[in-house]
Amino acid sequence: MDKVLEEKESKKYTKFQSFILIVFIPLLFAITVALIAMTILGYNVFEITKEYSQKIPFISTEEKTQSVEELETKMIELEAEIKDREAKISQLETKLDSKDQEISKAQKERERLEEEIDELTAMKEENKRAFKDIVKTYETISAKKAAPIISQMSEPEAIKILSNLKAATLAGIMEKMDPKDAARFTELLTVEKENNALNSP
């Protein structure tokens, strides 16, 4: 039993020895020769190894500091962009507020104009009613009394009343007028009717 163990141990020892003799020592020798050869050729081996070690991730400290600087620069740029966007948003909000005020003013102006239109419409209706009443008055009074009153009126007012009278009433008033006035008003009424005919669709 002891012999078997001794044989196994000697086998293990020989494997280890063979690894050192066959692999490790030749490798060490090759590295030493390469270092000597490169030094003779004028290469600084330590500087080359330093250069390559800096390119390997997790070893290069310069690269890390560079990347940190780049990140900080990017952060500053992004913060500036955010501030710029915030300023733009603020400007747009101000514009919106001013637009809202303009809309509010326009709505108030529209309401005021609508009120004015309503007032004018009411006045127009009132004037129409009043004018109809005037026309009715001239139709009810005698032609003898109406003729001298209309003769004293301005031409536009007289024509407006005469053109709205019934044909029989108009004929009676014209009969009682001075022939010159009757001729003048007849001519004006003819022109008025022609204009109305041309303006009507």
C-alpha atoms as a PDB file:
ATOM      1  CA  MET A   1       0.000   0.000   0.000  1.00  0.00           C
ATOM      2  CA  ASP A   2       2.785   2.418   0.924  1.00  0.00           C
ATOM      3  CA  LYS A   3       4.594   1.569  -2.284  1.00  0.00           C
ATOM      4  CA  VAL A   4       1.541   2.409  -4.365  1.00  0.00           C
ATOM      5  CA  LEU A   5       1.249   5.813  -2.686  1.00  0.00           C
ATOM      6  CA  GLU A   6       4.941   6.484  -3.160  1.00  0.00           C
ATOM      7  CA  GLU A   7       4.674   5.586  -6.840  1.00  0.00           C
ATOM      8  CA  LYS A   8       1.678   7.949  -7.287  1.00  0.00           C
ATOM      9  CA  GLU A   9       3.512  10.779  -5.551  1.00  0.00           C
ATOM     10  CA  SER A  10       6.605  10.209  -7.640  1.00  0.00           C
ATOM     11  CA  LYS A  11       4.442  10.255 -10.796  1.00  0.00           C
ATOM     12  CA  LYS A  12       2.844  13.562  -9.710  1.00  0.00           C
ATOM     13  CA  TYR A  13       6.224  15.014  -8.964  1.00  0.00           C
ATOM     14  CA  THR A  14       7.533  13.984 -12.284  1.00  0.00           C
ATOM     15  CA  LYS A  15       4.549  15.616 -14.088  1.00  0.00           C
ATOM     16  CA  PHE A  16       5.197  18.889 -12.272  1.00  0.00           C
ATOM     17  CA  GLN A  17       8.897  18.652 -12.993  1.00  0.00           C
ATOM     18  CA  SER A  18       8.215  17.920 -16.633  1.00  0.00           C
ATOM     19  CA  PHE A  19       5.890  21.003 -16.862  1.00  0.00           C
ATOM     20  CA  ILE A  20       8.629  23.242 -15.387  1.00  0.00           C
ATOM     21  CA  LEU A  21      11.291  21.771 -17.652  1.00  0.00           C
ATOM     22  CA  ILE A  22       9.266  21.629 -20.877  1.00  0.00           C
ATOM     23  CA  VAL A  23       7.027  24.747 -20.655  1.00  0.00           C
ATOM     24  CA  PHE A  24       7.952  27.232 -17.940  1.00  0.00           C
ATOM     25  CA  ILE A  25      11.761  27.421 -18.268  1.00  0.00           C
ATOM     26  CA  PRO A  26      11.740  27.689 -22.114  1.00  0.00           C
ATOM     27  CA  LEU A  27       8.997  30.368 -21.932  1.00  0.00           C
ATOM     28  CA  LEU A  28      10.957  32.345 -19.352  1.00  0.00           C
ATOM     29  CA  PHE A  29      14.082  32.000 -21.473  1.00  0.00           C
ATOM     30  CA  ALA A  30      12.217  33.151 -24.632  1.00  0.00           C
ATOM     31  CA  ILE A  31      10.846  36.241 -22.836  1.00  0.00           C
ATOM     32  CA  THR A  32      14.325  37.120 -21.522  1.00  0.00           C
ATOM     33  CA  VAL A  33      15.859  36.760 -24.981  1.00  0.00           C
ATOM     34  CA  ALA A  34      13.064  38.862 -26.529  1.00  0.00           C
ATOM     35  CA  LEU A  35      13.569  41.604 -23.919  1.00  0.00           C
ATOM     36  CA  ILE A  36      17.331  41.663 -24.519  1.00  0.00           C
ATOM     37  CA  ALA A  37      16.828  41.686 -28.312  1.00  0.00           C
ATOM     38  CA  MET A  38      14.327  44.577 -28.163  1.00  0.00           C
ATOM     39  CA  THR A  39      16.579  46.582 -25.850  1.00  0.00           C
ATOM     40  CA  ILE A  40      19.512  46.064 -28.268  1.00  0.00           C
ATOM     41  CA  LEU A  41      17.290  47.162 -31.188  1.00  0.00           C
ATOM     42  CA  GLY A  42      16.530  50.421 -29.352  1.00  0.00           C
ATOM     43  CA  TYR A  43      12.997  49.757 -28.120  1.00  0.00           C
ATOM     44  CA  ASN A  44      12.112  50.837 -24.601  1.00  0.00           C
ATOM     45  CA  VAL A  45      10.172  47.793 -23.447  1.00  0.00           C
ATOM     46  CA  PHE A  46       8.819  49.428 -20.288  1.00  0.00           C
ATOM     47  CA  GLU A  47       7.346  52.379 -22.207  1.00  0.00           C
ATOM     48  CA  ILE A  48       5.722  50.040 -24.754  1.00  0.00           C
ATOM     49  CA  THR A  49       4.164  47.939 -21.982  1.00  0.00           C
ATOM     50  CA  LYS A  50       2.924  51.141 -20.314  1.00  0.00           C
ATOM     51  CA  GLU A  51       1.360  52.287 -23.600  1.00  0.00           C
ATOM     52  CA  TYR A  52      -0.423  48.980 -24.144  1.00  0.00           C
ATOM     53  CA  SER A  53      -1.539  48.751 -20.531  1.00  0.00           C
ATOM     54  CA  GLN A  54      -3.247  52.148 -20.877  1.00  0.00           C
ATOM     55  CA  LYS A  55      -5.279  50.841 -23.815  1.00  0.00           C
ATOM     56  CA  ILE A  56      -6.582  47.896 -21.809  1.00  0.00           C
ATOM     57  CA  PRO A  57      -9.907  48.686 -20.085  1.00  0.00           C
ATOM     58  CA  PHE A  58      -9.964  48.882 -16.276  1.00  0.00           C
ATOM     59  CA  ILE A  59      -6.205  49.538 -16.281  1.00  0.00           C
ATOM     60  CA  SER A  60      -5.981  52.917 -18.038  1.00  0.00           C
ATOM     61  CA  THR A  61      -6.534  55.758 -15.575  1.00  0.00           C
ATOM     62  CA  GLU A  62      -6.109  58.468 -18.221  1.00  0.00           C
ATOM     63  CA  GLU A  63      -8.964  57.043 -20.283  1.00  0.00           C
ATOM     64  CA  LYS A  64     -11.167  56.984 -17.208  1.00  0.00           C
ATOM     65  CA  THR A  65     -10.410  60.610 -16.399  1.00  0.00           C
ATOM     66  CA  GLN A  66     -10.997  61.507 -20.043  1.00  0.00           C
ATOM     67  CA  SER A  67     -14.360  59.765 -20.096  1.00  0.00           C
ATOM     68  CA  VAL A  68     -15.332  61.497 -16.833  1.00  0.00           C
ATOM     69  CA  GLU A  69     -14.395  64.855 -18.364  1.00  0.00           C
ATOM     70  CA  GLU A  70     -16.401  64.025 -21.474  1.00  0.00           C
ATOM     71  CA  LEU A  71     -19.395  63.075 -19.314  1.00  0.00           C
ATOM     72  CA  GLU A  72     -19.117  66.322 -17.368  1.00  0.00           C
ATOM     73  CA  THR A  73     -18.949  68.306 -20.631  1.00  0.00           C
ATOM     74  CA  LYS A  74     -21.996  66.451 -21.940  1.00  0.00           C
ATOM     75  CA  MET A  75     -23.843  67.127 -18.686  1.00  0.00           C
ATOM     76  CA  ILE A  76     -23.054  70.852 -18.936  1.00  0.00           C
ATOM     77  CA  GLU A  77     -24.237  70.874 -22.560  1.00  0.00           C
ATOM     78  CA  LEU A  78     -27.454  69.059 -21.635  1.00  0.00           C
ATOM     79  CA  GLU A  79     -28.090  71.441 -18.724  1.00  0.00           C
ATOM     80  CA  ALA A  80     -27.611  74.398 -21.088  1.00  0.00           C
ATOM     81  CA  GLU A  81     -30.028  72.784 -23.553  1.00  0.00           C
ATOM     82  CA  ILE A  82     -32.577  72.246 -20.777  1.00  0.00           C
ATOM     83  CA  LYS A  83     -32.289  75.899 -19.744  1.00  0.00           C
ATOM     84  CA  ASP A  84     -32.688  76.959 -23.372  1.00  0.00           C
ATOM     85  CA  ARG A  85     -35.810  74.794 -23.727  1.00  0.00           C
ATOM     86  CA  GLU A  86     -37.207  76.191 -20.465  1.00  0.00           C
ATOM     87  CA  ALA A  87     -36.632  79.745 -21.767  1.00  0.00           C
ATOM     88  CA  LYS A  88     -38.431  78.864 -25.012  1.00  0.00           C
ATOM     89  CA  ILE A  89     -41.333  77.340 -23.060  1.00  0.00           C
ATOM     90  CA  SER A  90     -41.513  80.490 -20.939  1.00  0.00           C
ATOM     91  CA  GLN A  91     -41.591  82.651 -24.096  1.00  0.00           C
ATOM     92  CA  LEU A  92     -44.348  80.509 -25.600  1.00  0.00           C
ATOM     93  CA  GLU A  93     -46.359  80.717 -22.361  1.00  0.00           C
ATOM     94  CA  THR A  94     -45.991  84.523 -22.425  1.00  0.00           C
ATOM     95  CA  LYS A  95     -47.122  84.573 -26.057  1.00  0.00           C
ATOM     96  CA  LEU A  96     -50.090  82.360 -25.151  1.00  0.00           C
ATOM     97  CA  ASP A  97     -51.033  84.722 -22.322  1.00  0.00           C
ATOM     98  CA  SER A  98     -50.866  87.725 -24.659  1.00  0.00           C
ATOM     99  CA  LYS A  99     -52.893  85.829 -27.291  1.00  0.00           C
ATOM    100  CA  ASP A 100     -55.493  84.966 -24.621  1.00  0.00           C
ATOM    101  CA  GLN A 101     -55.679  88.658 -23.701  1.00  0.00           C
ATOM    102  CA  GLU A 102     -56.056  89.596 -27.379  1.00  0.00           C
ATOM    103  CA  ILE A 103     -58.819  86.999 -27.790  1.00  0.00           C
ATOM    104  CA  SER A 104     -60.554  88.317 -24.674  1.00  0.00           C
ATOM    105  CA  LYS A 105     -60.327  91.919 -25.993  1.00  0.00           C
ATOM    106  CA  ALA A 106     -61.612  90.815 -29.407  1.00  0.00           C
ATOM    107  CA  GLN A 107     -64.554  89.012 -27.786  1.00  0.00           C
ATOM    108  CA  LYS A 108     -65.425  92.113 -25.715  1.00  0.00           C
ATOM    109  CA  GLU A 109     -65.164  94.289 -28.838  1.00  0.00           C
ATOM    110  CA  ARG A 110     -67.391  91.861 -30.716  1.00  0.00           C
ATOM    111  CA  GLU A 111     -69.959  91.923 -27.900  1.00  0.00           C
ATOM    112  CA  ARG A 112     -69.868  95.747 -27.896  1.00  0.00           C
ATOM    113  CA  LEU A 113     -70.341  95.856 -31.691  1.00  0.00           C
ATOM    114  CA  GLU A 114     -73.206  93.349 -31.485  1.00  0.00           C
ATOM    115  CA  GLU A 115     -74.856  95.553 -28.844  1.00  0.00           C
ATOM    116  CA  GLU A 116     -74.408  98.583 -31.126  1.00  0.00           C
ATOM    117  CA  ILE A 117     -75.884  96.615 -34.044  1.00  0.00           C
ATOM    118  CA  ASP A 118     -78.852  95.630 -31.866  1.00  0.00           C
ATOM    119  CA  GLU A 119     -79.339  99.266 -30.824  1.00  0.00           C
ATOM    120  CA  LEU A 120     -79.092 100.478 -34.426  1.00  0.00           C
ATOM    121  CA  THR A 121     -81.492  97.749 -35.565  1.00  0.00           C
ATOM    122  CA  ALA A 122     -83.931  98.792 -32.852  1.00  0.00           C
ATOM    123  CA  MET A 123     -83.551 102.462 -33.888  1.00  0.00           C
ATOM    124  CA  LYS A 124     -84.039 101.489 -37.538  1.00  0.00           C
ATOM    125  CA  GLU A 125     -87.203  99.593 -36.665  1.00  0.00           C
ATOM    126  CA  GLU A 126     -88.367 102.561 -34.605  1.00  0.00           C
ATOM    127  CA  ASN A 127     -87.620 104.908 -37.520  1.00  0.00           C
ATOM    128  CA  LYS A 128     -89.515 102.602 -39.876  1.00  0.00           C
ATOM    129  CA  ARG A 129     -92.515 102.614 -37.558  1.00  0.00           C
ATOM    130  CA  ALA A 130     -92.293 106.408 -37.186  1.00  0.00           C
ATOM    131  CA  PHE A 131     -92.033 106.836 -40.974  1.00  0.00           C
ATOM    132  CA  LYS A 132     -95.025 104.540 -41.508  1.00  0.00           C
ATOM    133  CA  ASP A 133     -96.948 106.668 -39.026  1.00  0.00           C
ATOM    134  CA  ILE A 134     -95.952 109.822 -40.963  1.00  0.00           C
ATOM    135  CA  VAL A 135     -97.083 108.226 -44.246  1.00  0.00           C
ATOM    136  CA  LYS A 136    -100.383 107.200 -42.609  1.00  0.00           C
ATOM    137  CA  THR A 137    -100.834 110.767 -41.368  1.00  0.00           C
ATOM    138  CA  TYR A 138    -100.404 112.143 -44.911  1.00  0.00           C
ATOM    139  CA  GLU A 139    -102.870 109.560 -46.185  1.00  0.00           C
ATOM    140  CA  THR A 140    -105.453 110.551 -43.578  1.00  0.00           C
ATOM    141  CA  ILE A 141    -105.218 114.373 -43.892  1.00  0.00           C
ATOM    142  CA  SER A 142    -106.721 116.112 -46.865  1.00  0.00           C
ATOM    143  CA  ALA A 143    -104.697 116.601 -50.061  1.00  0.00           C
ATOM    144  CA  LYS A 144    -105.315 120.370 -49.754  1.00  0.00           C
ATOM    145  CA  LYS A 145    -103.472 120.461 -46.397  1.00  0.00           C
ATOM    146  CA  ALA A 146    -100.760 117.923 -47.365  1.00  0.00           C
ATOM    147  CA  ALA A 147     -99.714 119.605 -50.656  1.00  0.00           C
ATOM    148  CA  PRO A 148     -98.299 122.869 -49.183  1.00  0.00           C
ATOM    149  CA  ILE A 149     -96.496 120.990 -46.339  1.00  0.00           C
ATOM    150  CA  ILE A 150     -94.722 118.612 -48.764  1.00  0.00           C
ATOM    151  CA  SER A 151     -93.859 121.533 -51.075  1.00  0.00           C
ATOM    152  CA  GLN A 152     -91.937 123.162 -48.194  1.00  0.00           C
ATOM    153  CA  MET A 153     -89.902 119.992 -47.406  1.00  0.00           C
ATOM    154  CA  SER A 154     -86.414 119.195 -48.760  1.00  0.00           C
ATOM    155  CA  GLU A 155     -86.514 117.188 -51.968  1.00  0.00           C
ATOM    156  CA  PRO A 156     -85.123 113.904 -50.467  1.00  0.00           C
ATOM    157  CA  GLU A 157     -87.661 113.971 -47.583  1.00  0.00           C
ATOM    158  CA  ALA A 158     -90.557 114.881 -49.866  1.00  0.00           C
ATOM    159  CA  ILE A 159     -89.670 112.121 -52.373  1.00  0.00           C
ATOM    160  CA  LYS A 160     -89.328 109.566 -49.561  1.00  0.00           C
ATOM    161  CA  ILE A 161     -92.877 110.332 -48.350  1.00  0.00           C
ATOM    162  CA  LEU A 162     -94.433 110.668 -51.808  1.00  0.00           C
ATOM    163  CA  SER A 163     -92.920 107.376 -53.045  1.00  0.00           C
ATOM    164  CA  ASN A 164     -94.538 105.504 -50.122  1.00  0.00           C
ATOM    165  CA  LEU A 165     -98.055 106.991 -50.494  1.00  0.00           C
ATOM    166  CA  LYS A 166    -100.880 105.094 -52.161  1.00  0.00           C
ATOM    167  CA  ALA A 167    -101.466 106.028 -55.807  1.00  0.00           C
ATOM    168  CA  ALA A 168    -104.834 107.717 -55.105  1.00  0.00           C
ATOM    169  CA  THR A 169    -103.425 109.813 -52.225  1.00  0.00           C
ATOM    170  CA  LEU A 170    -100.373 110.784 -54.315  1.00  0.00           C
ATOM    171  CA  ALA A 171    -102.566 111.864 -57.222  1.00  0.00           C
ATOM    172  CA  GLY A 172    -104.744 113.991 -54.901  1.00  0.00           C
ATOM    173  CA  ILE A 173    -101.693 115.768 -53.362  1.00  0.00           C
ATOM    174  CA  MET A 174    -100.078 116.417 -56.781  1.00  0.00           C
ATOM    175  CA  GLU A 175    -103.387 117.901 -57.999  1.00  0.00           C
ATOM    176  CA  LYS A 176    -103.404 120.401 -55.132  1.00  0.00           C
ATOM    177  CA  MET A 177     -99.730 121.409 -55.578  1.00  0.00           C
ATOM    178  CA  ASP A 178     -98.422 124.336 -57.581  1.00  0.00           C
ATOM    179  CA  PRO A 179     -97.926 123.052 -61.181  1.00  0.00           C
ATOM    180  CA  LYS A 180     -94.167 123.767 -61.049  1.00  0.00           C
ATOM    181  CA  ASP A 181     -93.750 121.801 -57.771  1.00  0.00           C
ATOM    182  CA  ALA A 182     -95.921 118.982 -59.106  1.00  0.00           C
ATOM    183  CA  ALA A 183     -93.781 118.758 -62.271  1.00  0.00           C
ATOM    184  CA  ARG A 184     -90.539 118.820 -60.242  1.00  0.00           C
ATOM    185  CA  PHE A 185     -91.693 116.091 -57.807  1.00  0.00           C
ATOM    186  CA  THR A 186     -93.055 113.958 -60.664  1.00  0.00           C
ATOM    187  CA  GLU A 187     -89.671 114.092 -62.370  1.00  0.00           C
ATOM    188  CA  LEU A 188     -87.861 113.223 -59.113  1.00  0.00           C
ATOM    189  CA  LEU A 189     -90.272 110.341 -58.429  1.00  0.00           C
ATOM    190  CA  THR A 190     -89.624 108.964 -61.928  1.00  0.00           C
ATOM    191  CA  VAL A 191     -85.839 109.059 -61.357  1.00  0.00           C
ATOM    192  CA  GLU A 192     -86.317 107.392 -57.933  1.00  0.00           C
ATOM    193  CA  LYS A 193     -88.363 104.554 -59.451  1.00  0.00           C
ATOM    194  CA  GLU A 194     -85.794 104.034 -62.226  1.00  0.00           C
ATOM    195  CA  ASN A 195     -82.957 103.863 -59.667  1.00  0.00           C
ATOM    196  CA  ASN A 196     -84.906 101.360 -57.554  1.00  0.00           C
ATOM    197  CA  ALA A 197     -85.559  99.260 -60.658  1.00  0.00           C
ATOM    198  CA  LEU A 198     -81.843  99.257 -61.551  1.00  0.00           C
ATOM    199  CA  ASN A 199     -80.719  98.409 -57.977  1.00  0.00           C
ATOM    200  CA  SER A 200     -83.224  95.608 -57.460  1.00  0.00           C
ATOM    201  CA  PRO A 201     -81.886  92.144 -58.431  1.00  0.00           C
END
